Amino acid sequence: MPRPSNTRLGIPWLPEDSCPCESGKRFGSCCRTVWGTPYKAVETTTPKPPKTEYANPACYMHSTNDCSTKISGEHYISENILRQFGPRLIVSGMPWQPAGQETRYGAGSLTANILCDRHNSALSPLDAAAGRFFRELGIAYGHVTKRSLSTKTSFFLSSGEALESWAFKTLLGLYHGGISQAEGRRLVDRVSLDEATPIRALSGQRLKAPLGTYVQRNVGATFGDYLRCAPLISKASGVLAGLRLDLRAVTFDFLIDEPEAAFYFRENANFHRPTVLDLVGRQRTSRFFLSWTPLLPPEIHRVGIELGL
């Protein structure tokens, strides 16, 4: 298939094709909706019943009153993503860092006792979904940049909602994990956070616009095989507003602060929770279908990343 349309949502998979979610099922009996459009369902992120009615004070999900007594040594940036990037994981924007400073962290320094075993297990599908999306983004870039006369488009399917919830999980991990330098000034000691918003999302509640995921339309973006992670701190109020990820030429902002999100929404309304993300090269395109709930017949809501090749 040549370059896909920017205004029409053409579905590249037939009902009898293998589902792009890699379940091993056919598309028609897996991620195909009644409208013929793709939708990747989000696995439940609430612990299995019955509810424990216990709030473990060391678990950042304790307000749900559904904890176990044992605390887990959690990677607050998912372990499968750490394996993908290794020393190419870059953290910046922390209160203790001078403006513009970036720090590379090894996997061993990115663990903390911040989740109980019960919640760590319940939230693990988010780690798997994000790891798969990051891996496929690398494959998509490789397709776009490969030297060939072919104009074939590659297609992928991911849950935008799962990626968004993973970012909120990562934000809570960075906040509670206590990454610090020698002076020991932690994010949790310097910046306030309304934890109720990300915890609602991790408990399976849908956050309404303008909160949530934004994707920047980078023109002339260059590929970098790294993951740059930074908290977004509101200049107006000083609160922790969200998380920014720079990942392989794509910049995501995940916002949990209502005033900051309202500003983003006014300025960049077309970039909020896109249903289509295109990596555009000289001759070829890689297209991601990002699915969201509530489930409706989706219109094309596209962000194109024009790669500087």
Protein backbone atom coordinates (compact mmCIF):
# COMPACT_ATOMS: atom_id res chain seq x y z
CA MET A 1 0.00 0.00 0.00
CA PRO A 2 1.39 3.48 -0.88
CA ARG A 3 1.28 6.43 1.50
CA PRO A 4 -1.96 6.41 3.50
CA SER A 5 -4.51 9.21 3.32
CA ASN A 6 -4.24 12.09 5.78
CA THR A 7 -8.01 12.62 5.76
CA ARG A 8 -9.51 9.12 5.49
CA LEU A 9 -9.19 6.26 7.98
CA GLY A 10 -8.35 3.36 5.67
CA ILE A 11 -8.14 0.05 7.53
CA PRO A 12 -5.28 -2.12 6.21
CA TRP A 13 -6.37 -5.40 7.87
CA LEU A 14 -9.03 -7.79 6.59
CA PRO A 15 -11.14 -9.77 9.09
CA GLU A 16 -9.27 -12.99 8.23
CA ASP A 17 -5.81 -11.40 8.67
CA SER A 18 -3.71 -12.04 11.77
CA CYS A 19 -4.54 -9.42 14.38
CA PRO A 20 -1.88 -6.70 14.62
CA CYS A 21 -1.98 -6.93 18.43
CA GLU A 22 -0.03 -10.22 18.09
CA SER A 23 -2.61 -12.24 20.02
CA GLY A 24 -2.45 -15.04 17.44
CA LYS A 25 -6.15 -14.56 16.66
CA ARG A 26 -7.73 -13.26 13.49
CA PHE A 27 -8.37 -9.52 13.32
CA GLY A 28 -12.11 -10.09 12.82
CA SER A 29 -12.44 -11.96 16.13
CA CYS A 30 -9.98 -9.90 18.15
CA CYS A 31 -9.41 -6.14 17.75
CA ARG A 32 -11.91 -5.36 14.97
CA THR A 33 -14.93 -3.33 16.10
CA VAL A 34 -18.46 -3.48 14.67
CA TRP A 35 -17.47 -0.50 12.49
CA GLY A 36 -14.50 -2.40 11.07
CA THR A 37 -12.03 -0.12 12.85
CA PRO A 38 -9.20 -1.39 15.10
CA TYR A 39 -9.48 -1.14 18.87
CA LYS A 40 -6.96 -2.60 21.29
CA ALA A 41 -8.70 -3.22 24.60
CA VAL A 42 -6.92 -2.25 27.80
CA GLU A 43 -6.33 -5.04 30.28
CA THR A 44 -7.76 -4.43 33.73
CA THR A 45 -5.39 -2.68 36.13
CA THR A 46 -7.36 -3.27 39.32
CA PRO A 47 -6.34 -6.10 41.66
CA LYS A 48 -8.37 -9.29 41.54
CA PRO A 49 -11.29 -9.46 43.99
CA PRO A 50 -12.03 -9.69 46.77
CA LYS A 51 -10.92 -6.24 47.88
CA THR A 52 -8.54 -6.38 50.83
CA GLU A 53 -9.72 -3.17 52.55
CA TYR A 54 -6.10 -2.60 53.56
CA ALA A 55 -4.08 0.54 52.81
CA ASN A 56 -0.34 -0.16 52.85
CA PRO A 57 1.27 3.18 53.76
CA ALA A 58 4.39 2.36 51.68
CA CYS A 59 2.35 1.80 48.49
CA TYR A 60 1.45 4.90 46.45
CA MET A 61 -1.88 3.24 45.57
CA HIS A 62 -2.84 2.97 49.25
CA SER A 63 -5.81 5.33 48.83
CA THR A 64 -7.65 2.54 46.98
CA ASN A 65 -7.71 0.44 50.20
CA ASP A 66 -6.89 -2.67 48.20
CA CYS A 67 -3.25 -3.38 49.06
CA SER A 68 -1.27 -6.39 50.17
CA THR A 69 1.07 -6.29 53.15
CA LYS A 70 4.25 -7.03 51.18
CA ILE A 71 6.09 -4.26 49.34
CA SER A 72 7.69 -4.86 45.95
CA GLY A 73 11.02 -3.53 44.70
CA GLU A 74 9.53 -1.78 41.68
CA HIS A 75 11.30 -0.45 38.57
CA TYR A 76 9.52 2.86 38.20
CA ILE A 77 10.51 2.98 34.56
CA SER A 78 9.45 -0.44 33.32
CA GLU A 79 12.14 -3.12 33.34
CA ASN A 80 11.41 -4.22 29.76
CA ILE A 81 11.93 -0.62 28.62
CA LEU A 82 15.16 -0.38 30.60
CA ARG A 83 16.35 -3.47 28.76
CA GLN A 84 15.57 -1.79 25.44
CA PHE A 85 17.39 1.44 26.19
CA GLY A 86 19.96 0.58 28.87
CA PRO A 87 22.39 3.52 29.26
CA ARG A 88 20.41 5.45 26.65
CA LEU A 89 17.81 6.36 29.29
CA ILE A 90 18.14 10.07 30.07
CA VAL A 91 16.42 11.91 32.93
CA SER A 92 16.24 15.70 32.99
CA GLY A 93 14.14 18.51 34.46
CA MET A 94 14.41 17.42 38.09
CA PRO A 95 14.35 20.22 40.68
CA TRP A 96 17.90 19.45 41.83
CA GLN A 97 19.33 19.64 38.29
CA PRO A 98 20.60 22.92 36.83
CA ALA A 99 18.69 24.09 33.75
CA GLY A 100 19.60 21.99 30.75
CA GLN A 101 21.41 19.28 32.73
CA GLU A 102 20.70 15.66 31.84
CA THR A 103 21.61 12.55 33.82
CA ARG A 104 21.90 8.99 32.56
CA TYR A 105 20.72 6.34 34.98
CA GLY A 106 21.46 2.63 34.99
CA ALA A 107 18.70 0.10 35.59
CA GLY A 108 19.95 -0.67 39.09
CA SER A 109 19.38 2.89 40.30
CA LEU A 110 15.77 3.01 39.11
CA THR A 111 14.12 0.79 41.70
CA ALA A 112 12.28 1.66 44.88
CA ASN A 113 9.88 0.13 47.39
CA ILE A 114 6.84 2.13 46.28
CA LEU A 115 4.18 -0.45 45.35
CA CYS A 116 2.72 -3.40 47.18
CA ASP A 117 2.89 -6.79 45.48
CA ARG A 118 -0.82 -6.72 44.74
CA HIS A 119 -0.74 -3.42 42.85
CA ASN A 120 2.58 -4.20 41.20
CA SER A 121 1.02 -7.29 39.66
CA ALA A 122 -2.21 -5.51 38.67
CA LEU A 123 -0.36 -2.70 36.87
CA SER A 124 2.11 -4.96 35.04
CA PRO A 125 0.00 -5.10 31.80
CA LEU A 126 0.76 -1.40 31.35
CA ASP A 127 4.50 -2.13 31.37
CA ALA A 128 4.04 -4.80 28.71
CA ALA A 129 1.90 -2.53 26.51
CA ALA A 130 4.34 0.38 26.71
CA GLY A 131 7.34 -1.87 26.04
CA ARG A 132 5.68 -3.26 22.91
CA PHE A 133 4.80 0.25 21.67
CA PHE A 134 8.38 1.50 22.17
CA ARG A 135 9.79 -1.55 20.39
CA GLU A 136 7.42 -1.13 17.44
CA LEU A 137 8.26 2.57 17.21
CA GLY A 138 11.86 1.54 16.55
CA ILE A 139 10.69 -0.95 13.89
CA ALA A 140 8.53 1.75 12.31
CA TYR A 141 11.46 4.14 12.10
CA GLY A 142 13.59 1.44 10.51
CA HIS A 143 10.92 0.90 7.85
CA VAL A 144 10.71 4.61 7.03
CA THR A 145 14.47 5.10 6.76
CA LYS A 146 15.39 1.90 4.89
CA ARG A 147 16.83 2.67 1.47
CA SER A 148 14.43 1.22 -1.07
CA LEU A 149 12.36 2.21 -4.09
CA SER A 150 9.28 0.77 -2.39
CA THR A 151 6.59 3.15 -1.14
CA LYS A 152 4.93 0.51 1.06
CA THR A 153 3.40 1.70 4.33
CA SER A 154 3.80 -0.29 7.55
CA PHE A 155 0.91 -0.38 10.03
CA PHE A 156 0.77 -0.90 13.80
CA LEU A 157 -1.94 -0.97 16.45
CA SER A 158 -1.50 0.19 20.05
CA SER A 159 -3.73 1.23 22.92
CA GLY A 160 -3.28 4.95 23.46
CA GLU A 161 -5.05 4.60 26.78
CA ALA A 162 -2.62 1.93 28.01
CA LEU A 163 0.35 4.11 27.04
CA GLU A 164 -1.22 7.07 28.84
CA SER A 165 -1.84 5.07 32.01
CA TRP A 166 1.74 3.72 31.87
CA ALA A 167 3.02 7.30 31.78
CA PHE A 168 0.98 8.16 34.88
CA LYS A 169 2.42 5.07 36.61
CA THR A 170 5.92 6.23 35.66
CA LEU A 171 5.21 9.74 36.90
CA LEU A 172 4.10 8.43 40.30
CA GLY A 173 7.21 6.25 40.40
CA LEU A 174 9.53 9.18 39.68
CA TYR A 175 7.73 11.25 42.30
CA HIS A 176 7.87 8.65 45.06
CA GLY A 177 11.05 6.85 44.05
CA GLY A 178 13.46 9.44 45.39
CA ILE A 179 15.92 9.76 42.50
CA SER A 180 18.44 12.23 43.91
CA GLN A 181 21.97 13.46 43.64
CA ALA A 182 24.37 13.96 46.52
CA GLU A 183 22.44 16.90 47.94
CA GLY A 184 19.44 14.59 48.35
CA ARG A 185 16.75 16.99 47.16
CA ARG A 186 13.96 14.74 45.96
CA LEU A 187 11.07 15.61 43.68
CA VAL A 188 8.59 14.71 46.42
CA ASP A 189 10.24 17.22 48.76
CA ARG A 190 10.17 20.11 46.31
CA VAL A 191 7.01 19.89 44.20
CA SER A 192 3.38 19.11 45.06
CA LEU A 193 1.32 16.58 43.12
CA ASP A 194 -2.42 15.95 42.98
CA GLU A 195 -2.12 12.18 43.16
CA ALA A 196 -5.87 11.60 42.93
CA THR A 197 -5.88 12.20 39.16
CA PRO A 198 -3.27 9.59 38.09
CA ILE A 199 -4.53 7.12 40.70
CA ARG A 200 -8.04 7.38 39.22
CA ALA A 201 -6.58 6.54 35.81
CA LEU A 202 -4.63 3.58 37.19
CA SER A 203 -7.82 2.37 38.88
CA GLY A 204 -9.54 2.10 35.52
CA GLN A 205 -11.35 5.45 35.39
CA ARG A 206 -11.23 7.39 32.12
CA LEU A 207 -9.80 10.92 32.45
CA LYS A 208 -11.65 13.52 30.41
CA ALA A 209 -10.16 16.14 28.08
CA PRO A 210 -8.16 18.31 28.42
CA LEU A 211 -6.24 15.88 30.65
CA GLY A 212 -4.22 13.10 29.11
CA THR A 213 -1.88 12.56 26.16
CA TYR A 214 -0.52 15.18 23.77
CA VAL A 215 1.81 14.52 20.85
CA GLN A 216 3.94 17.27 19.36
CA ARG A 217 4.12 17.64 15.61
CA ASN A 218 7.88 17.68 15.14
CA VAL A 219 8.96 18.93 11.71
CA GLY A 220 12.38 17.76 10.60
CA ALA A 221 12.69 15.53 13.66
CA THR A 222 15.78 13.37 13.85
CA PHE A 223 15.88 9.85 15.22
CA GLY A 224 17.61 9.23 18.51
CA ASP A 225 17.85 5.75 19.97
CA TYR A 226 17.18 6.99 23.48
CA LEU A 227 14.37 7.63 25.92
CA ARG A 228 14.48 11.07 27.51
CA CYS A 229 12.20 11.41 30.51
CA ALA A 230 11.39 14.61 32.43
CA PRO A 231 8.64 15.81 34.77
CA LEU A 232 6.60 18.79 33.59
CA ILE A 233 6.38 21.39 36.33
CA SER A 234 3.90 24.24 35.94
CA LYS A 235 5.65 27.62 35.89
CA ALA A 236 2.48 29.31 37.11
CA SER A 237 1.73 27.15 40.16
CA GLY A 238 4.88 25.08 40.73
CA VAL A 239 2.89 21.84 40.84
CA LEU A 240 3.86 18.66 39.04
CA ALA A 241 1.75 18.92 35.88
CA GLY A 242 2.76 15.76 34.03
CA LEU A 243 5.47 13.79 32.30
CA ARG A 244 7.35 14.44 29.05
CA LEU A 245 8.88 11.61 27.01
CA ASP A 246 11.15 12.16 24.03
CA LEU A 247 11.24 8.82 22.29
CA ARG A 248 12.75 8.05 18.89
CA ALA A 249 11.81 11.39 17.24
CA VAL A 250 8.39 11.62 18.95
CA THR A 251 7.60 13.89 21.91
CA PHE A 252 4.74 12.92 24.23
CA ASP A 253 3.34 15.08 27.04
CA PHE A 254 1.07 13.34 29.56
CA LEU A 255 -0.80 15.95 31.61
CA ILE A 256 -2.60 15.55 34.93
CA ASP A 257 -2.90 19.22 35.95
CA GLU A 258 -6.15 20.84 34.80
CA PRO A 259 -4.91 24.44 34.26
CA GLU A 260 -1.78 23.33 32.41
CA ALA A 261 -3.78 20.86 30.30
CA ALA A 262 -6.36 23.54 29.46
CA PHE A 263 -3.55 25.72 28.07
CA TYR A 264 -2.20 22.81 26.00
CA PHE A 265 -5.68 22.05 24.71
CA ARG A 266 -6.31 25.65 23.61
CA GLU A 267 -2.95 25.90 21.89
CA ASN A 268 -2.68 22.38 20.42
CA ALA A 269 -6.21 20.99 20.20
CA ASN A 270 -5.38 18.82 17.20
CA PHE A 271 -2.63 17.01 19.11
CA HIS A 272 -4.72 15.67 22.01
CA ARG A 273 -5.10 11.86 22.03
CA PRO A 274 -4.59 11.34 18.29
CA THR A 275 -6.09 8.25 16.69
CA VAL A 276 -3.34 8.15 14.06
CA LEU A 277 0.39 8.78 14.45
CA ASP A 278 2.42 8.86 11.22
CA LEU A 279 6.19 8.71 10.90
CA VAL A 280 6.78 10.26 7.48
CA GLY A 281 9.99 9.75 5.53
CA ARG A 282 11.01 10.72 2.02
CA GLN A 283 9.23 7.82 0.35
CA ARG A 284 7.50 5.76 3.01
CA THR A 285 5.27 6.13 6.05
CA SER A 286 4.78 4.07 9.19
CA ARG A 287 1.28 4.50 10.63
CA PHE A 288 0.20 3.75 14.19
CA PHE A 289 -3.47 3.38 15.01
CA LEU A 290 -3.89 4.52 18.64
CA SER A 291 -7.17 3.41 20.21
CA TRP A 292 -9.07 5.16 23.00
CA THR A 293 -12.25 4.68 24.99
CA PRO A 294 -15.13 5.45 24.98
CA LEU A 295 -15.46 3.27 21.91
CA LEU A 296 -17.04 5.24 19.06
CA PRO A 297 -16.73 5.13 15.27
CA PRO A 298 -13.45 7.08 15.09
CA GLU A 299 -12.67 9.87 12.71
CA ILE A 300 -9.12 10.42 11.63
CA HIS A 301 -7.31 12.58 14.17
CA ARG A 302 -3.76 12.59 12.88
CA VAL A 303 -0.37 13.81 14.02
CA GLY A 304 2.41 13.53 11.45
CA ILE A 305 6.06 13.43 12.44
CA GLU A 306 8.02 14.72 9.42
CA LEU A 307 11.43 13.10 9.77
CA GLY A 308 14.50 15.07 8.78
CA LEU A 309 16.29 12.38 6.75
